[in-house]
Each structure stands twice: as structure tokens, then as C-alpha cells.
Amino acid sequence: MNSTVMTPIETTPGIGPNLASELRQVGIDSLEALMRVGFWDAWQQLRRKNPERDCLPSCLALAGAVAGVRWNHLPPKVRADIRQRVKAART
């Protein structure tokens, strides 16, 4: 596989047009860039840019995208861990 080929963030499963637009605003324009940053750091960047977007579904979507699955296919323990991290980050 050619390492210069990037997967546009809009075509990543689980990443809708709004989330893709917000990711582009923080400099994450491809799945590969998201994987380099990691779902948690990407979510933190989105929170700093747009605190109103501070929501669990976007964090789960990012985690799923990095794992190559839709968020609802993440193992239950992973989803529970993410819920706890999001809850802790909000306090």
C-alpha cells in the first residue's frame, strides 16, 4: 500500500459530515491523521475548539474510527471505559 494515499476523514465509517468538518478545523483531515493523533487527543482538541460539541457520541465515533469499526461494534468494556473517561473529563 502506498503510504502517501490518505483516507479522507469524510469517508471514514462512523464519521458524519459535521464531525468530519470539525475534525478538519483542528487539522485532522484523514483517517491516518486521526490514527496518529488518537481518538482521545482528537476529542480533546474538538472540545477546546467547540465546547458545545462536548459529547460522548463523538468520542465513541472517533474511537470506533481508529479501531476500524462503528462505535457500536466496540467491545462493551471499551465503550464503558470511554464513558468513564468522558465523564471524568467533564468534571
N, C-alpha and C. Protein backbone atom coordinates (compact mmCIF):
# COMPACT_ATOMS: atom_id res chain seq x y z
N MET A 1 0.84 -1.19 0.00
CA MET A 1 0.00 0.00 0.00
C MET A 1 0.88 1.24 0.00
N ASN A 2 0.51 2.21 -0.80
CA ASN A 2 1.26 3.45 -0.90
C ASN A 2 0.97 4.30 0.33
N SER A 3 2.00 4.66 1.06
CA SER A 3 1.80 5.40 2.30
C SER A 3 1.38 6.84 2.07
N THR A 4 1.44 7.32 0.83
CA THR A 4 1.02 8.70 0.56
C THR A 4 -0.48 8.80 0.31
N VAL A 5 -1.16 7.68 0.14
CA VAL A 5 -2.60 7.70 -0.07
C VAL A 5 -3.28 7.87 1.28
N MET A 6 -4.09 8.92 1.38
CA MET A 6 -4.79 9.19 2.63
C MET A 6 -6.28 8.91 2.45
N THR A 7 -6.91 8.44 3.50
CA THR A 7 -8.34 8.19 3.51
C THR A 7 -9.04 9.45 4.00
N PRO A 8 -9.81 10.13 3.15
CA PRO A 8 -10.48 11.36 3.60
C PRO A 8 -11.33 11.08 4.84
N ILE A 9 -11.27 12.00 5.78
CA ILE A 9 -11.98 11.79 7.05
C ILE A 9 -13.48 11.60 6.82
N GLU A 10 -14.03 12.23 5.77
CA GLU A 10 -15.47 12.10 5.49
C GLU A 10 -15.88 10.69 5.11
N THR A 11 -14.95 9.91 4.59
CA THR A 11 -15.28 8.56 4.14
C THR A 11 -15.04 7.50 5.22
N THR A 12 -14.61 7.95 6.39
CA THR A 12 -14.34 7.03 7.48
C THR A 12 -15.65 6.58 8.11
N PRO A 13 -15.87 5.26 8.25
CA PRO A 13 -17.11 4.78 8.87
C PRO A 13 -17.33 5.40 10.25
N GLY A 14 -18.56 5.87 10.48
CA GLY A 14 -18.91 6.44 11.77
C GLY A 14 -18.65 7.93 11.91
N ILE A 15 -17.96 8.51 10.93
CA ILE A 15 -17.67 9.94 10.98
C ILE A 15 -18.62 10.65 10.01
N GLY A 16 -19.59 11.34 10.55
CA GLY A 16 -20.55 12.06 9.73
C GLY A 16 -20.01 13.40 9.25
N PRO A 17 -20.78 14.10 8.42
CA PRO A 17 -20.30 15.36 7.84
C PRO A 17 -19.98 16.43 8.89
N ASN A 18 -20.76 16.54 9.95
CA ASN A 18 -20.49 17.56 10.96
C ASN A 18 -19.20 17.27 11.72
N LEU A 19 -19.05 16.03 12.15
CA LEU A 19 -17.84 15.66 12.87
C LEU A 19 -16.62 15.77 11.96
N ALA A 20 -16.76 15.38 10.70
CA ALA A 20 -15.65 15.50 9.74
C ALA A 20 -15.24 16.96 9.58
N SER A 21 -16.22 17.86 9.48
CA SER A 21 -15.93 19.28 9.34
C SER A 21 -15.19 19.81 10.56
N GLU A 22 -15.64 19.41 11.74
CA GLU A 22 -14.98 19.86 12.97
C GLU A 22 -13.57 19.29 13.09
N LEU A 23 -13.38 18.05 12.66
CA LEU A 23 -12.04 17.47 12.68
C LEU A 23 -11.12 18.24 11.74
N ARG A 24 -11.62 18.60 10.57
CA ARG A 24 -10.80 19.39 9.64
C ARG A 24 -10.39 20.72 10.25
N GLN A 25 -11.28 21.31 11.04
CA GLN A 25 -10.98 22.60 11.68
C GLN A 25 -9.82 22.51 12.67
N VAL A 26 -9.59 21.32 13.22
CA VAL A 26 -8.46 21.15 14.14
C VAL A 26 -7.28 20.46 13.46
N GLY A 27 -7.33 20.38 12.12
CA GLY A 27 -6.19 19.87 11.36
C GLY A 27 -6.18 18.37 11.13
N ILE A 28 -7.29 17.69 11.42
CA ILE A 28 -7.36 16.25 11.20
C ILE A 28 -8.22 16.02 9.96
N ASP A 29 -7.56 15.73 8.83
CA ASP A 29 -8.28 15.66 7.56
C ASP A 29 -8.32 14.27 6.94
N SER A 30 -7.75 13.30 7.65
CA SER A 30 -7.74 11.93 7.11
C SER A 30 -7.80 10.93 8.26
N LEU A 31 -8.20 9.73 7.91
CA LEU A 31 -8.20 8.66 8.91
C LEU A 31 -6.80 8.45 9.46
N GLU A 32 -5.82 8.53 8.59
CA GLU A 32 -4.43 8.33 9.03
C GLU A 32 -4.01 9.40 10.04
N ALA A 33 -4.43 10.65 9.81
CA ALA A 33 -4.13 11.72 10.76
C ALA A 33 -4.82 11.45 12.09
N LEU A 34 -6.07 10.99 12.04
CA LEU A 34 -6.79 10.66 13.26
C LEU A 34 -6.08 9.54 14.02
N MET A 35 -5.61 8.56 13.30
CA MET A 35 -4.91 7.44 13.94
C MET A 35 -3.60 7.90 14.58
N ARG A 36 -2.91 8.84 13.93
CA ARG A 36 -1.67 9.38 14.51
C ARG A 36 -1.96 10.14 15.80
N VAL A 37 -3.02 10.95 15.79
CA VAL A 37 -3.38 11.76 16.95
C VAL A 37 -3.98 10.91 18.06
N GLY A 38 -4.81 9.93 17.66
CA GLY A 38 -5.52 9.10 18.63
C GLY A 38 -6.89 9.70 18.92
N PHE A 39 -7.84 8.83 19.22
CA PHE A 39 -9.22 9.30 19.38
C PHE A 39 -9.36 10.25 20.57
N TRP A 40 -8.64 9.97 21.67
CA TRP A 40 -8.82 10.80 22.87
C TRP A 40 -8.28 12.20 22.65
N ASP A 41 -7.07 12.30 22.10
CA ASP A 41 -6.50 13.63 21.85
C ASP A 41 -7.31 14.38 20.81
N ALA A 42 -7.83 13.68 19.81
CA ALA A 42 -8.68 14.33 18.81
C ALA A 42 -9.93 14.89 19.48
N TRP A 43 -10.54 14.10 20.36
CA TRP A 43 -11.74 14.55 21.06
C TRP A 43 -11.44 15.76 21.94
N GLN A 44 -10.29 15.74 22.60
CA GLN A 44 -9.89 16.88 23.45
C GLN A 44 -9.71 18.13 22.59
N GLN A 45 -9.13 17.97 21.41
CA GLN A 45 -8.97 19.12 20.51
C GLN A 45 -10.32 19.67 20.08
N LEU A 46 -11.27 18.77 19.79
CA LEU A 46 -12.62 19.22 19.42
C LEU A 46 -13.27 19.96 20.58
N ARG A 47 -13.10 19.48 21.78
CA ARG A 47 -13.66 20.15 22.96
C ARG A 47 -13.09 21.55 23.13
N ARG A 48 -11.79 21.70 22.92
CA ARG A 48 -11.18 23.02 23.06
C ARG A 48 -11.70 23.97 21.98
N LYS A 49 -11.86 23.46 20.78
CA LYS A 49 -12.32 24.29 19.65
C LYS A 49 -13.80 24.64 19.79
N ASN A 50 -14.61 23.68 20.23
CA ASN A 50 -16.05 23.86 20.27
C ASN A 50 -16.62 23.14 21.50
N PRO A 51 -16.62 23.80 22.67
CA PRO A 51 -17.07 23.13 23.90
C PRO A 51 -18.51 22.61 23.82
N GLU A 52 -19.34 23.19 22.99
CA GLU A 52 -20.72 22.70 22.84
C GLU A 52 -20.75 21.29 22.25
N ARG A 53 -19.69 20.90 21.58
CA ARG A 53 -19.61 19.58 20.94
C ARG A 53 -19.15 18.52 21.94
N ASP A 54 -19.02 18.91 23.19
CA ASP A 54 -18.54 18.00 24.23
C ASP A 54 -19.56 16.89 24.46
N CYS A 55 -19.48 15.84 23.64
CA CYS A 55 -20.47 14.79 23.78
C CYS A 55 -19.84 13.41 23.62
N LEU A 56 -20.43 12.49 24.33
CA LEU A 56 -19.97 11.10 24.30
C LEU A 56 -20.04 10.48 22.91
N PRO A 57 -21.15 10.68 22.15
CA PRO A 57 -21.21 10.02 20.84
C PRO A 57 -20.04 10.36 19.92
N SER A 58 -19.58 11.60 19.93
CA SER A 58 -18.45 11.94 19.05
C SER A 58 -17.19 11.23 19.51
N CYS A 59 -16.99 11.10 20.81
CA CYS A 59 -15.81 10.39 21.32
C CYS A 59 -15.87 8.91 20.94
N LEU A 60 -17.05 8.31 21.08
CA LEU A 60 -17.21 6.91 20.69
C LEU A 60 -16.99 6.74 19.19
N ALA A 61 -17.49 7.68 18.39
CA ALA A 61 -17.31 7.60 16.93
C ALA A 61 -15.83 7.66 16.57
N LEU A 62 -15.10 8.55 17.24
CA LEU A 62 -13.66 8.66 16.97
C LEU A 62 -12.93 7.37 17.37
N ALA A 63 -13.30 6.81 18.52
CA ALA A 63 -12.66 5.56 18.96
C ALA A 63 -12.96 4.44 17.98
N GLY A 64 -14.19 4.37 17.51
CA GLY A 64 -14.56 3.35 16.53
C GLY A 64 -13.79 3.52 15.23
N ALA A 65 -13.67 4.77 14.78
CA ALA A 65 -12.95 5.04 13.53
C ALA A 65 -11.50 4.57 13.63
N VAL A 66 -10.86 4.87 14.75
CA VAL A 66 -9.46 4.45 14.94
C VAL A 66 -9.37 2.92 14.96
N ALA A 67 -10.38 2.27 15.56
CA ALA A 67 -10.38 0.80 15.64
C ALA A 67 -10.85 0.14 14.35
N GLY A 68 -11.37 0.94 13.42
CA GLY A 68 -11.82 0.39 12.14
C GLY A 68 -13.22 -0.20 12.17
N VAL A 69 -14.01 0.20 13.18
CA VAL A 69 -15.39 -0.29 13.30
C VAL A 69 -16.31 0.87 13.67
N ARG A 70 -17.60 0.66 13.50
CA ARG A 70 -18.55 1.64 14.02
C ARG A 70 -18.53 1.55 15.54
N TRP A 71 -18.88 2.65 16.20
CA TRP A 71 -18.75 2.72 17.66
C TRP A 71 -19.52 1.60 18.36
N ASN A 72 -20.68 1.21 17.80
CA ASN A 72 -21.47 0.19 18.48
C ASN A 72 -20.87 -1.21 18.34
N HIS A 73 -19.81 -1.34 17.56
CA HIS A 73 -19.09 -2.62 17.46
C HIS A 73 -17.86 -2.66 18.35
N LEU A 74 -17.60 -1.56 19.07
CA LEU A 74 -16.52 -1.58 20.05
C LEU A 74 -16.93 -2.53 21.18
N PRO A 75 -15.99 -3.24 21.77
CA PRO A 75 -16.34 -4.13 22.89
C PRO A 75 -17.00 -3.33 24.01
N PRO A 76 -17.97 -3.93 24.70
CA PRO A 76 -18.67 -3.22 25.79
C PRO A 76 -17.73 -2.62 26.83
N LYS A 77 -16.66 -3.33 27.16
CA LYS A 77 -15.73 -2.79 28.15
C LYS A 77 -15.04 -1.52 27.63
N VAL A 78 -14.70 -1.51 26.36
CA VAL A 78 -14.08 -0.33 25.76
C VAL A 78 -15.06 0.85 25.81
N ARG A 79 -16.31 0.60 25.44
CA ARG A 79 -17.33 1.66 25.48
C ARG A 79 -17.50 2.17 26.91
N ALA A 80 -17.54 1.27 27.88
CA ALA A 80 -17.69 1.67 29.28
C ALA A 80 -16.49 2.51 29.74
N ASP A 81 -15.29 2.10 29.34
CA ASP A 81 -14.09 2.85 29.70
C ASP A 81 -14.13 4.26 29.11
N ILE A 82 -14.57 4.37 27.86
CA ILE A 82 -14.67 5.68 27.21
C ILE A 82 -15.71 6.54 27.93
N ARG A 83 -16.85 5.94 28.28
CA ARG A 83 -17.88 6.70 29.01
C ARG A 83 -17.30 7.27 30.31
N GLN A 84 -16.52 6.45 31.02
CA GLN A 84 -15.91 6.91 32.27
C GLN A 84 -14.93 8.03 32.02
N ARG A 85 -14.12 7.91 30.99
CA ARG A 85 -13.12 8.96 30.68
C ARG A 85 -13.82 10.26 30.32
N VAL A 86 -14.89 10.17 29.53
CA VAL A 86 -15.62 11.38 29.14
C VAL A 86 -16.24 12.02 30.37
N LYS A 87 -16.85 11.21 31.21
CA LYS A 87 -17.47 11.73 32.43
C LYS A 87 -16.43 12.43 33.30
N ALA A 88 -15.27 11.82 33.47
CA ALA A 88 -14.20 12.40 34.27
C ALA A 88 -13.68 13.70 33.64
N ALA A 89 -13.61 13.75 32.33
CA ALA A 89 -13.10 14.93 31.64
C ALA A 89 -14.06 16.11 31.77
N ARG A 90 -15.32 15.81 31.97
CA ARG A 90 -16.33 16.89 32.07
C ARG A 90 -16.35 17.54 33.45
N THR A 91 -15.77 16.90 34.44
CA THR A 91 -15.84 17.46 35.80
C THR A 91 -14.70 18.40 36.09
